[in-house]
Structures are given as C-alpha cells and as structure tokens.
Amino acid sequence: MSQTLKKPIIKAHDINEYYLKFFKNSRASRPVVLDYLFRNITFASNNEKIRVLKDFEYSQITEATNVPKIIVHRIISAFLVDLIRIKKYFKTNAKIFCSRHQTQKVRIYLHKLYRLAPVFDYKRARENAKRLEVKLSQLCFRPQIMTQVAVVIFITDLLDNQLSRAHSKIIQSNLRVFCNCSAYAFHRTRNKIGLTTDYIKKLNIT
C-alpha cells in the first residue's frame, strides 16, 4: 500500500504575513530547517517509513532555528511529500539500479538528493564517492547504488568539521530512509569498508 501524508492545515494571521514571510524567507530558511531536522528529529518510523511530525516537534525546530513556524511547517511538509514520491519512483523503477555505470549513477543520485535536502557537503561527497569506488573495487564488493550513496553521505557527514555539524551528526535512520537503503545493507557496507562502531569511537565522534 502506497504511503501518503495528510496535508497540514497552516494559517497565516493575514495575507501580508503569508506572502512576505513565507515566499520571501522560505528559500533562505530551507537548508537551516532541514539540517536541524536531519540531525535532531527522527522522521523515520520503526518500519522505516516516513512519519508525520508532531506539533511540538515543529515548535522545537522553530525555537532552535528562529524560523517562523508557518515556514518550518511548509518546508518540512514539502520535503517529506517529495521524499515519498522519490521512494515510490525507486520502487516502481528498479531497473535504474542495474550494475552498469554505477559510479556515474552514484554521482547523479548524490546530486538529486542534495537538491532535495542540502544537509551534507556536496563537493566533499563527490570526492568521497571516488574514494569509496576505489575501496569497493579493492574488496571486489559491489553494494546497491543507493546503499553506496548512503555510505558516501555518512562518511562525508562523519568527517565534517563545520561548527554546526561537528557534534551533531545526521541520524542514521533518517539517512537510510532518505537514501532508500535498508539497515542491513547500510551496516553491512559500513563494516565491510572498515567503518565499524569501534573505529568510529576511536575518531571521538559520538
């Protein structure tokens, strides 16, 4: 059964508030809101589907980012709806994950996901994708394309020393749902290339 999200009811106090605050500020606020969401609030359900955020969670984001709640609501709702559409596309077009041209496809989907949610350093992710390709070739191991994308984003975020991201990493369940990647495939690939829990602890990263 296909997953859908109910459209939230958002009210503005007046027409000027809606147009001036929403349309003028939403584009600049989008990266900030989504970055906070990915790192602090789980939007993945227990069965790795996408859940609707609760009102207090929207309030939490508003308080942390200083972005008006009406804009926060709109940004996150639009993101979750787009993410569900992409997951449906992946489900009905499995042939796009065939083994040919995997390196190119990893770059393509990194770019697509970055445009959907710019919550990682895209330039570094492209470089990390190249390094991962070399490592996988050495191991004669070839995980599914979106698993590779998930691991690339994980590595990129793990090593990101930007002040706002150094001590607040992307929640792994969010990352897996974002990349349409199962927990088994994600952790198997992580461990295969040496990114075990013990190794990560040695990096002093929680």
N, C-alpha and C. Protein backbone atom coordinates (compact mmCIF):
# COMPACT_ATOMS: atom_id res chain seq x y z
N MET A 1 0.85 -1.20 0.00
CA MET A 1 0.00 0.00 0.00
C MET A 1 0.88 1.24 0.00
N SER A 2 0.59 2.16 -0.87
CA SER A 2 1.40 3.37 -1.01
C SER A 2 1.23 4.27 0.20
N GLN A 3 2.31 4.92 0.56
CA GLN A 3 2.27 5.82 1.72
C GLN A 3 1.92 7.22 1.28
N THR A 4 1.07 7.87 2.05
CA THR A 4 0.72 9.27 1.80
C THR A 4 0.78 10.04 3.11
N LEU A 5 0.93 11.33 2.99
CA LEU A 5 0.91 12.20 4.16
C LEU A 5 -0.25 13.17 4.03
N LYS A 6 -0.94 13.40 5.14
CA LYS A 6 -2.03 14.36 5.11
C LYS A 6 -1.47 15.77 5.00
N LYS A 7 -2.12 16.58 4.20
CA LYS A 7 -1.69 17.96 4.05
C LYS A 7 -1.99 18.74 5.32
N PRO A 8 -0.97 19.36 5.91
CA PRO A 8 -1.20 20.09 7.16
C PRO A 8 -2.02 21.36 6.94
N ILE A 9 -2.75 21.75 7.95
CA ILE A 9 -3.52 22.99 7.89
C ILE A 9 -2.66 24.10 8.49
N ILE A 10 -2.27 25.06 7.65
CA ILE A 10 -1.41 26.14 8.11
C ILE A 10 -2.14 27.46 7.90
N LYS A 11 -2.25 28.23 8.95
CA LYS A 11 -2.96 29.50 8.86
C LYS A 11 -2.00 30.66 9.09
N ALA A 12 -2.11 31.67 8.29
CA ALA A 12 -1.34 32.89 8.50
C ALA A 12 -2.29 33.94 9.10
N HIS A 13 -1.73 34.83 9.87
CA HIS A 13 -2.56 35.85 10.51
C HIS A 13 -3.20 36.79 9.49
N ASP A 14 -2.48 37.10 8.44
CA ASP A 14 -3.04 37.94 7.39
C ASP A 14 -2.28 37.67 6.09
N ILE A 15 -2.76 38.20 4.99
CA ILE A 15 -2.20 37.94 3.67
C ILE A 15 -0.77 38.47 3.55
N ASN A 16 -0.48 39.59 4.19
CA ASN A 16 0.88 40.14 4.13
C ASN A 16 1.87 39.22 4.83
N GLU A 17 1.47 38.66 5.96
CA GLU A 17 2.36 37.73 6.68
C GLU A 17 2.66 36.52 5.81
N TYR A 18 1.64 36.00 5.13
CA TYR A 18 1.82 34.80 4.31
C TYR A 18 2.79 35.06 3.17
N TYR A 19 2.58 36.13 2.42
CA TYR A 19 3.42 36.38 1.25
C TYR A 19 4.81 36.91 1.62
N LEU A 20 4.86 37.84 2.56
CA LEU A 20 6.15 38.42 2.90
C LEU A 20 7.04 37.43 3.65
N LYS A 21 6.48 36.77 4.66
CA LYS A 21 7.28 35.83 5.45
C LYS A 21 7.52 34.52 4.71
N PHE A 22 6.46 33.96 4.15
CA PHE A 22 6.59 32.64 3.55
C PHE A 22 7.44 32.65 2.28
N PHE A 23 7.02 33.44 1.27
CA PHE A 23 7.72 33.40 0.00
C PHE A 23 9.08 34.07 0.06
N LYS A 24 9.23 35.07 0.87
CA LYS A 24 10.50 35.80 0.93
C LYS A 24 11.55 35.04 1.72
N ASN A 25 11.14 34.37 2.79
CA ASN A 25 12.11 33.76 3.70
C ASN A 25 12.28 32.26 3.56
N SER A 26 11.36 31.57 2.91
CA SER A 26 11.41 30.11 2.91
C SER A 26 12.63 29.56 2.20
N ARG A 27 13.03 30.19 1.10
CA ARG A 27 14.18 29.67 0.35
C ARG A 27 15.46 29.75 1.18
N ALA A 28 15.69 30.86 1.85
CA ALA A 28 16.90 31.01 2.66
C ALA A 28 16.84 30.13 3.91
N SER A 29 15.64 29.89 4.41
CA SER A 29 15.50 29.11 5.64
C SER A 29 15.55 27.61 5.41
N ARG A 30 15.31 27.17 4.20
CA ARG A 30 15.18 25.74 3.91
C ARG A 30 16.39 24.92 4.33
N PRO A 31 17.63 25.28 3.95
CA PRO A 31 18.79 24.48 4.37
C PRO A 31 18.94 24.40 5.88
N VAL A 32 18.66 25.50 6.57
CA VAL A 32 18.80 25.54 8.03
C VAL A 32 17.78 24.61 8.69
N VAL A 33 16.54 24.69 8.23
CA VAL A 33 15.46 23.88 8.82
C VAL A 33 15.71 22.39 8.57
N LEU A 34 16.05 22.03 7.33
CA LEU A 34 16.26 20.63 7.00
C LEU A 34 17.49 20.06 7.69
N ASP A 35 18.53 20.87 7.82
CA ASP A 35 19.73 20.41 8.51
C ASP A 35 19.43 20.08 9.96
N TYR A 36 18.65 20.93 10.62
CA TYR A 36 18.26 20.68 12.00
C TYR A 36 17.39 19.42 12.09
N LEU A 37 16.46 19.29 11.17
CA LEU A 37 15.57 18.13 11.16
C LEU A 37 16.36 16.83 11.08
N PHE A 38 17.29 16.74 10.12
CA PHE A 38 18.05 15.52 9.89
C PHE A 38 18.88 15.13 11.10
N ARG A 39 19.32 16.10 11.88
CA ARG A 39 20.26 15.84 12.97
C ARG A 39 19.62 15.73 14.35
N ASN A 40 18.38 16.14 14.46
CA ASN A 40 17.78 16.21 15.80
C ASN A 40 16.42 15.54 15.95
N ILE A 41 15.72 15.30 14.85
CA ILE A 41 14.38 14.72 14.94
C ILE A 41 14.25 13.58 13.94
N THR A 42 13.82 12.44 14.41
CA THR A 42 13.67 11.29 13.53
C THR A 42 12.36 11.38 12.75
N PHE A 43 12.45 11.42 11.42
CA PHE A 43 11.24 11.42 10.61
C PHE A 43 10.98 10.03 10.02
N ALA A 44 11.79 9.06 10.43
CA ALA A 44 11.59 7.66 10.01
C ALA A 44 10.82 6.91 11.09
N SER A 45 9.85 6.12 10.68
CA SER A 45 9.09 5.30 11.63
C SER A 45 9.87 4.03 11.94
N ASN A 46 9.34 3.21 12.85
CA ASN A 46 10.03 1.98 13.24
C ASN A 46 10.18 0.99 12.08
N ASN A 47 9.26 1.03 11.13
CA ASN A 47 9.35 0.13 9.98
C ASN A 47 9.96 0.84 8.77
N GLU A 48 10.73 1.89 9.04
CA GLU A 48 11.50 2.63 8.04
C GLU A 48 10.61 3.25 6.96
N LYS A 49 9.45 3.71 7.38
CA LYS A 49 8.63 4.55 6.52
C LYS A 49 8.75 5.98 7.01
N ILE A 50 8.04 6.89 6.38
CA ILE A 50 8.13 8.31 6.73
C ILE A 50 6.92 8.68 7.57
N ARG A 51 7.18 9.32 8.69
CA ARG A 51 6.09 9.68 9.58
C ARG A 51 5.85 11.20 9.55
N VAL A 52 4.66 11.58 9.96
CA VAL A 52 4.30 12.99 10.07
C VAL A 52 4.84 13.52 11.39
N LEU A 53 5.48 14.68 11.37
CA LEU A 53 5.99 15.27 12.60
C LEU A 53 4.84 15.80 13.45
N LYS A 54 5.06 15.83 14.75
CA LYS A 54 4.06 16.34 15.68
C LYS A 54 4.26 17.84 15.89
N ASP A 55 3.21 18.46 16.41
CA ASP A 55 3.24 19.92 16.55
C ASP A 55 4.38 20.39 17.44
N PHE A 56 4.66 19.67 18.52
CA PHE A 56 5.73 20.11 19.43
C PHE A 56 7.10 20.00 18.76
N GLU A 57 7.22 19.12 17.78
CA GLU A 57 8.49 18.99 17.05
C GLU A 57 8.69 20.17 16.11
N TYR A 58 7.61 20.63 15.49
CA TYR A 58 7.70 21.85 14.68
C TYR A 58 8.06 23.03 15.58
N SER A 59 7.50 23.07 16.76
CA SER A 59 7.82 24.16 17.70
C SER A 59 9.28 24.09 18.12
N GLN A 60 9.79 22.88 18.31
CA GLN A 60 11.19 22.70 18.67
C GLN A 60 12.11 23.25 17.58
N ILE A 61 11.78 22.97 16.33
CA ILE A 61 12.60 23.45 15.21
C ILE A 61 12.53 24.96 15.12
N THR A 62 11.34 25.51 15.30
CA THR A 62 11.17 26.96 15.26
C THR A 62 12.02 27.64 16.33
N GLU A 63 12.00 27.08 17.53
CA GLU A 63 12.77 27.67 18.62
C GLU A 63 14.27 27.57 18.37
N ALA A 64 14.71 26.44 17.80
CA ALA A 64 16.15 26.22 17.59
C ALA A 64 16.70 27.02 16.42
N THR A 65 15.89 27.21 15.38
CA THR A 65 16.37 27.87 14.16
C THR A 65 15.94 29.32 14.02
N ASN A 66 14.98 29.73 14.86
CA ASN A 66 14.43 31.08 14.80
C ASN A 66 13.74 31.35 13.47
N VAL A 67 13.18 30.30 12.89
CA VAL A 67 12.41 30.42 11.65
C VAL A 67 10.93 30.32 12.01
N PRO A 68 10.08 31.21 11.50
CA PRO A 68 8.66 31.17 11.84
C PRO A 68 8.04 29.80 11.60
N LYS A 69 7.15 29.40 12.48
CA LYS A 69 6.58 28.06 12.43
C LYS A 69 5.85 27.78 11.12
N ILE A 70 5.20 28.79 10.57
CA ILE A 70 4.48 28.59 9.30
C ILE A 70 5.45 28.19 8.19
N ILE A 71 6.66 28.74 8.22
CA ILE A 71 7.66 28.41 7.20
C ILE A 71 8.26 27.03 7.47
N VAL A 72 8.54 26.75 8.73
CA VAL A 72 9.06 25.43 9.11
C VAL A 72 8.10 24.33 8.66
N HIS A 73 6.83 24.53 8.93
CA HIS A 73 5.79 23.56 8.58
C HIS A 73 5.78 23.32 7.08
N ARG A 74 5.82 24.39 6.32
CA ARG A 74 5.75 24.28 4.87
C ARG A 74 6.99 23.60 4.30
N ILE A 75 8.17 23.97 4.76
CA ILE A 75 9.42 23.40 4.26
C ILE A 75 9.47 21.89 4.51
N ILE A 76 9.17 21.48 5.73
CA ILE A 76 9.28 20.07 6.08
C ILE A 76 8.17 19.25 5.40
N SER A 77 6.97 19.77 5.35
CA SER A 77 5.88 19.04 4.70
C SER A 77 6.19 18.82 3.23
N ALA A 78 6.69 19.86 2.55
CA ALA A 78 7.04 19.73 1.14
C ALA A 78 8.17 18.71 0.95
N PHE A 79 9.16 18.74 1.84
CA PHE A 79 10.27 17.80 1.75
C PHE A 79 9.80 16.36 1.91
N LEU A 80 8.96 16.10 2.91
CA LEU A 80 8.50 14.74 3.16
C LEU A 80 7.64 14.21 2.01
N VAL A 81 6.81 15.06 1.45
CA VAL A 81 5.99 14.66 0.31
C VAL A 81 6.88 14.32 -0.89
N ASP A 82 7.89 15.15 -1.16
CA ASP A 82 8.81 14.88 -2.26
C ASP A 82 9.59 13.59 -2.02
N LEU A 83 9.97 13.34 -0.77
CA LEU A 83 10.71 12.13 -0.45
C LEU A 83 9.85 10.89 -0.68
N ILE A 84 8.59 10.94 -0.33
CA ILE A 84 7.69 9.82 -0.57
C ILE A 84 7.55 9.57 -2.06
N ARG A 85 7.47 10.62 -2.85
CA ARG A 85 7.36 10.47 -4.31
C ARG A 85 8.61 9.80 -4.88
N ILE A 86 9.78 10.19 -4.39
CA ILE A 86 11.02 9.60 -4.87
C ILE A 86 11.08 8.12 -4.50
N LYS A 87 10.68 7.78 -3.28
CA LYS A 87 10.70 6.39 -2.86
C LYS A 87 9.74 5.55 -3.72
N LYS A 88 8.60 6.10 -4.07
CA LYS A 88 7.67 5.40 -4.95
C LYS A 88 8.30 5.19 -6.33
N TYR A 89 9.03 6.21 -6.80
CA TYR A 89 9.70 6.11 -8.10
C TYR A 89 10.75 5.00 -8.07
N PHE A 90 11.54 4.94 -7.01
CA PHE A 90 12.55 3.90 -6.88
C PHE A 90 11.90 2.51 -6.88
N LYS A 91 10.76 2.41 -6.18
CA LYS A 91 10.09 1.12 -6.04
C LYS A 91 9.55 0.62 -7.37
N THR A 92 9.07 1.53 -8.20
CA THR A 92 8.45 1.13 -9.47
C THR A 92 9.43 1.16 -10.65
N ASN A 93 10.66 1.59 -10.40
CA ASN A 93 11.67 1.65 -11.47
C ASN A 93 12.98 1.01 -10.99
N ALA A 94 12.88 -0.23 -10.59
CA ALA A 94 14.04 -0.92 -10.02
C ALA A 94 15.18 -1.08 -11.03
N LYS A 95 14.88 -1.01 -12.31
CA LYS A 95 15.91 -1.21 -13.33
C LYS A 95 16.99 -0.13 -13.30
N ILE A 96 16.69 1.02 -12.72
CA ILE A 96 17.69 2.08 -12.67
C ILE A 96 18.87 1.71 -11.78
N PHE A 97 18.71 0.66 -10.97
CA PHE A 97 19.78 0.24 -10.07
C PHE A 97 20.57 -0.94 -10.61
N CYS A 98 20.47 -1.18 -11.91
CA CYS A 98 21.26 -2.26 -12.51
C CYS A 98 22.74 -1.93 -12.38
N SER A 99 23.59 -2.93 -12.56
CA SER A 99 25.00 -2.80 -12.23
C SER A 99 25.80 -1.91 -13.19
N ARG A 100 25.28 -1.61 -14.35
CA ARG A 100 26.04 -0.82 -15.32
C ARG A 100 26.15 0.65 -14.89
N HIS A 101 27.33 1.22 -15.12
CA HIS A 101 27.60 2.65 -14.87
C HIS A 101 27.28 3.05 -13.43
N GLN A 102 27.65 2.22 -12.48
CA GLN A 102 27.33 2.52 -11.08
C GLN A 102 27.99 3.80 -10.58
N THR A 103 29.24 4.02 -10.95
CA THR A 103 29.94 5.21 -10.47
C THR A 103 29.22 6.48 -10.91
N GLN A 104 28.80 6.52 -12.14
CA GLN A 104 28.07 7.68 -12.67
C GLN A 104 26.72 7.84 -11.96
N LYS A 105 26.04 6.74 -11.72
CA LYS A 105 24.72 6.81 -11.08
C LYS A 105 24.82 7.28 -9.64
N VAL A 106 25.89 6.87 -8.93
CA VAL A 106 26.09 7.34 -7.57
C VAL A 106 26.21 8.86 -7.56
N ARG A 107 26.98 9.42 -8.50
CA ARG A 107 27.13 10.88 -8.58
C ARG A 107 25.80 11.55 -8.90
N ILE A 108 25.03 10.94 -9.81
CA ILE A 108 23.74 11.51 -10.20
C ILE A 108 22.80 11.58 -8.99
N TYR A 109 22.72 10.50 -8.23
CA TYR A 109 21.78 10.48 -7.11
C TYR A 109 22.28 11.28 -5.91
N LEU A 110 23.58 11.42 -5.78
CA LEU A 110 24.10 12.35 -4.77
C LEU A 110 23.60 13.75 -5.06
N HIS A 111 23.64 14.13 -6.33
CA HIS A 111 23.21 15.48 -6.72
C HIS A 111 21.71 15.65 -6.52
N LYS A 112 20.94 14.63 -6.91
CA LYS A 112 19.49 14.71 -6.76
C LYS A 112 19.10 14.84 -5.29
N LEU A 113 19.74 14.05 -4.43
CA LEU A 113 19.40 14.09 -3.02
C LEU A 113 19.86 15.40 -2.37
N TYR A 114 20.99 15.92 -2.85
CA TYR A 114 21.46 17.21 -2.31
C TYR A 114 20.48 18.33 -2.65
N ARG A 115 19.93 18.28 -3.83
CA ARG A 115 18.94 19.29 -4.20
C ARG A 115 17.65 19.13 -3.39
N LEU A 116 17.32 17.89 -3.05
CA LEU A 116 16.14 17.64 -2.24
C LEU A 116 16.35 18.12 -0.81
N ALA A 117 17.56 17.87 -0.27
CA ALA A 117 17.87 18.28 1.11
C ALA A 117 19.37 18.55 1.21
N PRO A 118 19.78 19.82 1.15
CA PRO A 118 21.21 20.16 1.20
C PRO A 118 21.78 20.08 2.62
N VAL A 119 21.89 18.86 3.13
CA VAL A 119 22.29 18.67 4.53
C VAL A 119 23.70 18.07 4.65
N PHE A 120 24.43 18.00 3.53
CA PHE A 120 25.80 17.50 3.55
C PHE A 120 26.63 18.31 2.57
N ASP A 121 27.94 18.22 2.71
CA ASP A 121 28.86 18.95 1.84
C ASP A 121 28.95 18.22 0.51
N TYR A 122 28.34 18.77 -0.52
CA TYR A 122 28.22 18.08 -1.81
C TYR A 122 29.58 17.87 -2.49
N LYS A 123 30.44 18.88 -2.46
CA LYS A 123 31.75 18.75 -3.12
C LYS A 123 32.58 17.65 -2.48
N ARG A 124 32.57 17.61 -1.15
CA ARG A 124 33.31 16.56 -0.46
C ARG A 124 32.68 15.19 -0.70
N ALA A 125 31.38 15.16 -0.81
CA ALA A 125 30.69 13.89 -1.08
C ALA A 125 31.12 13.32 -2.42
N ARG A 126 31.27 14.16 -3.42
CA ARG A 126 31.73 13.68 -4.73
C ARG A 126 33.13 13.08 -4.63
N GLU A 127 34.00 13.72 -3.86
CA GLU A 127 35.35 13.19 -3.68
C GLU A 127 35.31 11.88 -2.89
N ASN A 128 34.47 11.82 -1.88
CA ASN A 128 34.35 10.60 -1.09
C ASN A 128 33.75 9.46 -1.90
N ALA A 129 32.90 9.79 -2.87
CA ALA A 129 32.33 8.77 -3.75
C ALA A 129 33.43 8.11 -4.59
N LYS A 130 34.40 8.92 -5.03
CA LYS A 130 35.52 8.38 -5.80
C LYS A 130 36.37 7.45 -4.93
N ARG A 131 36.62 7.87 -3.70
CA ARG A 131 37.43 7.04 -2.79
C ARG A 131 36.71 5.74 -2.45
N LEU A 132 35.39 5.83 -2.26
CA LEU A 132 34.62 4.62 -1.96
C LEU A 132 34.66 3.66 -3.14
N GLU A 133 34.59 4.19 -4.33
CA GLU A 133 34.66 3.35 -5.54
C GLU A 133 35.96 2.55 -5.57
N VAL A 134 37.07 3.20 -5.26
CA VAL A 134 38.37 2.52 -5.23
C VAL A 134 38.37 1.43 -4.17
N LYS A 135 37.85 1.76 -2.99
CA LYS A 135 37.83 0.80 -1.89
C LYS A 135 36.97 -0.41 -2.22
N LEU A 136 35.82 -0.19 -2.81
CA LEU A 136 34.93 -1.30 -3.16
C LEU A 136 35.55 -2.18 -4.24
N SER A 137 36.27 -1.57 -5.18
CA SER A 137 36.94 -2.34 -6.22
C SER A 137 38.02 -3.23 -5.63
N GLN A 138 38.75 -2.70 -4.64
CA GLN A 138 39.79 -3.49 -3.97
C GLN A 138 39.18 -4.66 -3.22
N LEU A 139 38.01 -4.46 -2.67
CA LEU A 139 37.34 -5.51 -1.91
C LEU A 139 36.53 -6.46 -2.79
N CYS A 140 36.42 -6.13 -4.08
CA CYS A 140 35.57 -6.90 -5.01
C CYS A 140 34.16 -7.01 -4.44
N PHE A 141 33.67 -5.90 -3.96
CA PHE A 141 32.36 -5.84 -3.29
C PHE A 141 31.56 -4.72 -3.92
N ARG A 142 30.31 -5.02 -4.30
CA ARG A 142 29.52 -4.03 -5.01
C ARG A 142 28.11 -3.95 -4.45
N PRO A 143 27.87 -3.10 -3.44
CA PRO A 143 26.51 -2.94 -2.90
C PRO A 143 25.62 -2.17 -3.87
N GLN A 144 24.35 -2.19 -3.58
CA GLN A 144 23.38 -1.47 -4.43
C GLN A 144 23.68 0.02 -4.45
N ILE A 145 23.31 0.69 -5.50
CA ILE A 145 23.69 2.08 -5.74
C ILE A 145 23.28 3.00 -4.59
N MET A 146 22.04 2.90 -4.13
CA MET A 146 21.59 3.80 -3.08
C MET A 146 22.25 3.49 -1.74
N THR A 147 22.71 2.25 -1.57
CA THR A 147 23.49 1.94 -0.38
C THR A 147 24.83 2.67 -0.43
N GLN A 148 25.43 2.69 -1.60
CA GLN A 148 26.68 3.44 -1.78
C GLN A 148 26.46 4.93 -1.51
N VAL A 149 25.35 5.46 -2.01
CA VAL A 149 25.04 6.88 -1.78
C VAL A 149 24.90 7.15 -0.28
N ALA A 150 24.20 6.27 0.42
CA ALA A 150 24.01 6.45 1.85
C ALA A 150 25.34 6.43 2.60
N VAL A 151 26.22 5.52 2.23
CA VAL A 151 27.52 5.41 2.89
C VAL A 151 28.38 6.63 2.57
N VAL A 152 28.33 7.12 1.35
CA VAL A 152 29.08 8.32 0.98
C VAL A 152 28.64 9.52 1.82
N ILE A 153 27.33 9.70 1.96
CA ILE A 153 26.82 10.81 2.77
C ILE A 153 27.21 10.61 4.24
N PHE A 154 27.15 9.38 4.71
CA PHE A 154 27.53 9.07 6.09
C PHE A 154 28.99 9.44 6.33
N ILE A 155 29.87 9.04 5.43
CA ILE A 155 31.30 9.35 5.57
C ILE A 155 31.52 10.86 5.53
N THR A 156 30.87 11.52 4.58
CA THR A 156 31.02 12.96 4.42
C THR A 156 30.59 13.69 5.69
N ASP A 157 29.47 13.28 6.24
CA ASP A 157 28.96 13.91 7.46
C ASP A 157 29.83 13.56 8.67
N LEU A 158 30.31 12.33 8.71
CA LEU A 158 31.15 11.88 9.82
C LEU A 158 32.40 12.73 9.96
N LEU A 159 32.97 13.13 8.82
CA LEU A 159 34.23 13.87 8.81
C LEU A 159 34.05 15.38 8.67
N ASP A 160 32.79 15.82 8.70
CA ASP A 160 32.50 17.26 8.54
C ASP A 160 32.83 17.99 9.85
N ASN A 161 33.79 18.90 9.78
CA ASN A 161 34.21 19.64 10.97
C ASN A 161 33.56 21.01 11.09
N GLN A 162 32.60 21.30 10.21
CA GLN A 162 31.89 22.56 10.31
C GLN A 162 31.27 22.68 11.69
N LEU A 163 31.36 23.83 12.29
CA LEU A 163 30.98 24.03 13.69
C LEU A 163 29.59 23.51 14.00
N SER A 164 28.63 23.78 13.14
CA SER A 164 27.25 23.39 13.41
C SER A 164 27.01 21.89 13.24
N ARG A 165 27.99 21.19 12.61
CA ARG A 165 27.80 19.77 12.33
C ARG A 165 28.81 18.87 13.05
N ALA A 166 29.82 19.46 13.67
CA ALA A 166 30.90 18.67 14.26
C ALA A 166 30.41 17.75 15.37
N HIS A 167 29.43 18.20 16.17
CA HIS A 167 28.96 17.41 17.31
C HIS A 167 27.50 17.00 17.17
N SER A 168 26.96 17.17 15.99
CA SER A 168 25.57 16.79 15.76
C SER A 168 25.47 16.15 14.38
N LYS A 169 25.56 14.84 14.36
CA LYS A 169 25.59 14.11 13.10
C LYS A 169 24.19 13.72 12.64
N ILE A 170 24.06 13.45 11.35
CA ILE A 170 22.78 13.03 10.80
C ILE A 170 22.33 11.73 11.46
N ILE A 171 21.09 11.68 11.89
CA ILE A 171 20.52 10.47 12.48
C ILE A 171 20.50 9.38 11.41
N GLN A 172 21.05 8.22 11.73
CA GLN A 172 21.23 7.19 10.72
C GLN A 172 19.91 6.67 10.15
N SER A 173 18.87 6.58 10.97
CA SER A 173 17.58 6.14 10.43
C SER A 173 17.04 7.14 9.42
N ASN A 174 17.27 8.44 9.65
CA ASN A 174 16.88 9.46 8.67
C ASN A 174 17.66 9.28 7.38
N LEU A 175 18.96 9.03 7.51
CA LEU A 175 19.81 8.86 6.34
C LEU A 175 19.37 7.66 5.51
N ARG A 176 19.06 6.57 6.18
CA ARG A 176 18.67 5.36 5.44
C ARG A 176 17.35 5.56 4.70
N VAL A 177 16.39 6.20 5.36
CA VAL A 177 15.11 6.46 4.70
C VAL A 177 15.31 7.46 3.55
N PHE A 178 16.14 8.46 3.78
CA PHE A 178 16.44 9.47 2.76
C PHE A 178 17.02 8.82 1.50
N CYS A 179 17.87 7.80 1.70
CA CYS A 179 18.55 7.15 0.57
C CYS A 179 17.87 5.85 0.14
N ASN A 180 16.72 5.55 0.73
CA ASN A 180 16.00 4.33 0.37
C ASN A 180 16.90 3.10 0.53
N CYS A 181 17.57 3.03 1.68
CA CYS A 181 18.56 2.00 1.94
C CYS A 181 18.18 1.23 3.20
N SER A 182 18.23 -0.08 3.16
CA SER A 182 17.88 -0.88 4.32
C SER A 182 18.98 -0.81 5.38
N ALA A 183 18.58 -1.05 6.63
CA ALA A 183 19.55 -1.03 7.73
C ALA A 183 20.60 -2.11 7.53
N TYR A 184 20.18 -3.28 7.08
CA TYR A 184 21.11 -4.39 6.87
C TYR A 184 22.18 -4.03 5.83
N ALA A 185 21.73 -3.53 4.68
CA ALA A 185 22.67 -3.19 3.61
C ALA A 185 23.61 -2.07 4.02
N PHE A 186 23.08 -1.09 4.75
CA PHE A 186 23.88 0.05 5.18
C PHE A 186 24.99 -0.39 6.14
N HIS A 187 24.63 -1.14 7.18
CA HIS A 187 25.62 -1.54 8.18
C HIS A 187 26.58 -2.58 7.63
N ARG A 188 26.11 -3.43 6.75
CA ARG A 188 26.99 -4.42 6.14
C ARG A 188 28.08 -3.73 5.32
N THR A 189 27.69 -2.72 4.55
CA THR A 189 28.66 -1.98 3.73
C THR A 189 29.61 -1.18 4.60
N ARG A 190 29.08 -0.53 5.63
CA ARG A 190 29.92 0.21 6.59
C ARG A 190 31.00 -0.68 7.17
N ASN A 191 30.59 -1.83 7.67
CA ASN A 191 31.54 -2.73 8.31
C ASN A 191 32.53 -3.32 7.30
N LYS A 192 32.04 -3.56 6.10
CA LYS A 192 32.89 -4.14 5.06
C LYS A 192 34.07 -3.22 4.72
N ILE A 193 33.82 -1.92 4.72
CA ILE A 193 34.89 -0.99 4.35
C ILE A 193 35.66 -0.49 5.57
N GLY A 194 35.31 -1.00 6.75
CA GLY A 194 36.09 -0.68 7.95
C GLY A 194 35.51 0.39 8.84
N LEU A 195 34.30 0.88 8.54
CA LEU A 195 33.68 1.91 9.36
C LEU A 195 32.83 1.26 10.45
N THR A 196 33.48 0.46 11.27
CA THR A 196 32.80 -0.22 12.36
C THR A 196 32.53 0.76 13.50
N THR A 197 31.68 0.35 14.41
CA THR A 197 31.36 1.20 15.57
C THR A 197 32.62 1.49 16.39
N ASP A 198 33.45 0.49 16.58
CA ASP A 198 34.69 0.68 17.36
C ASP A 198 35.62 1.68 16.67
N TYR A 199 35.72 1.60 15.34
CA TYR A 199 36.58 2.53 14.61
C TYR A 199 36.06 3.96 14.74
N ILE A 200 34.76 4.13 14.65
CA ILE A 200 34.17 5.46 14.76
C ILE A 200 34.40 6.04 16.15
N LYS A 201 34.32 5.19 17.18
CA LYS A 201 34.58 5.66 18.54
C LYS A 201 36.01 6.17 18.70
N LYS A 202 36.95 5.56 17.97
CA LYS A 202 38.33 6.00 18.03
C LYS A 202 38.52 7.40 17.43
N LEU A 203 37.56 7.78 16.58
CA LEU A 203 37.61 9.12 15.99
C LEU A 203 37.04 10.17 16.94
N ASN A 204 36.58 9.71 18.12
CA ASN A 204 35.97 10.61 19.11
C ASN A 204 34.71 11.25 18.59
N ILE A 205 33.96 10.50 17.80
CA ILE A 205 32.70 11.00 17.24
C ILE A 205 31.58 10.18 17.85
N THR A 206 30.61 10.85 18.46
CA THR A 206 29.50 10.13 19.08
C THR A 206 28.40 9.90 18.09
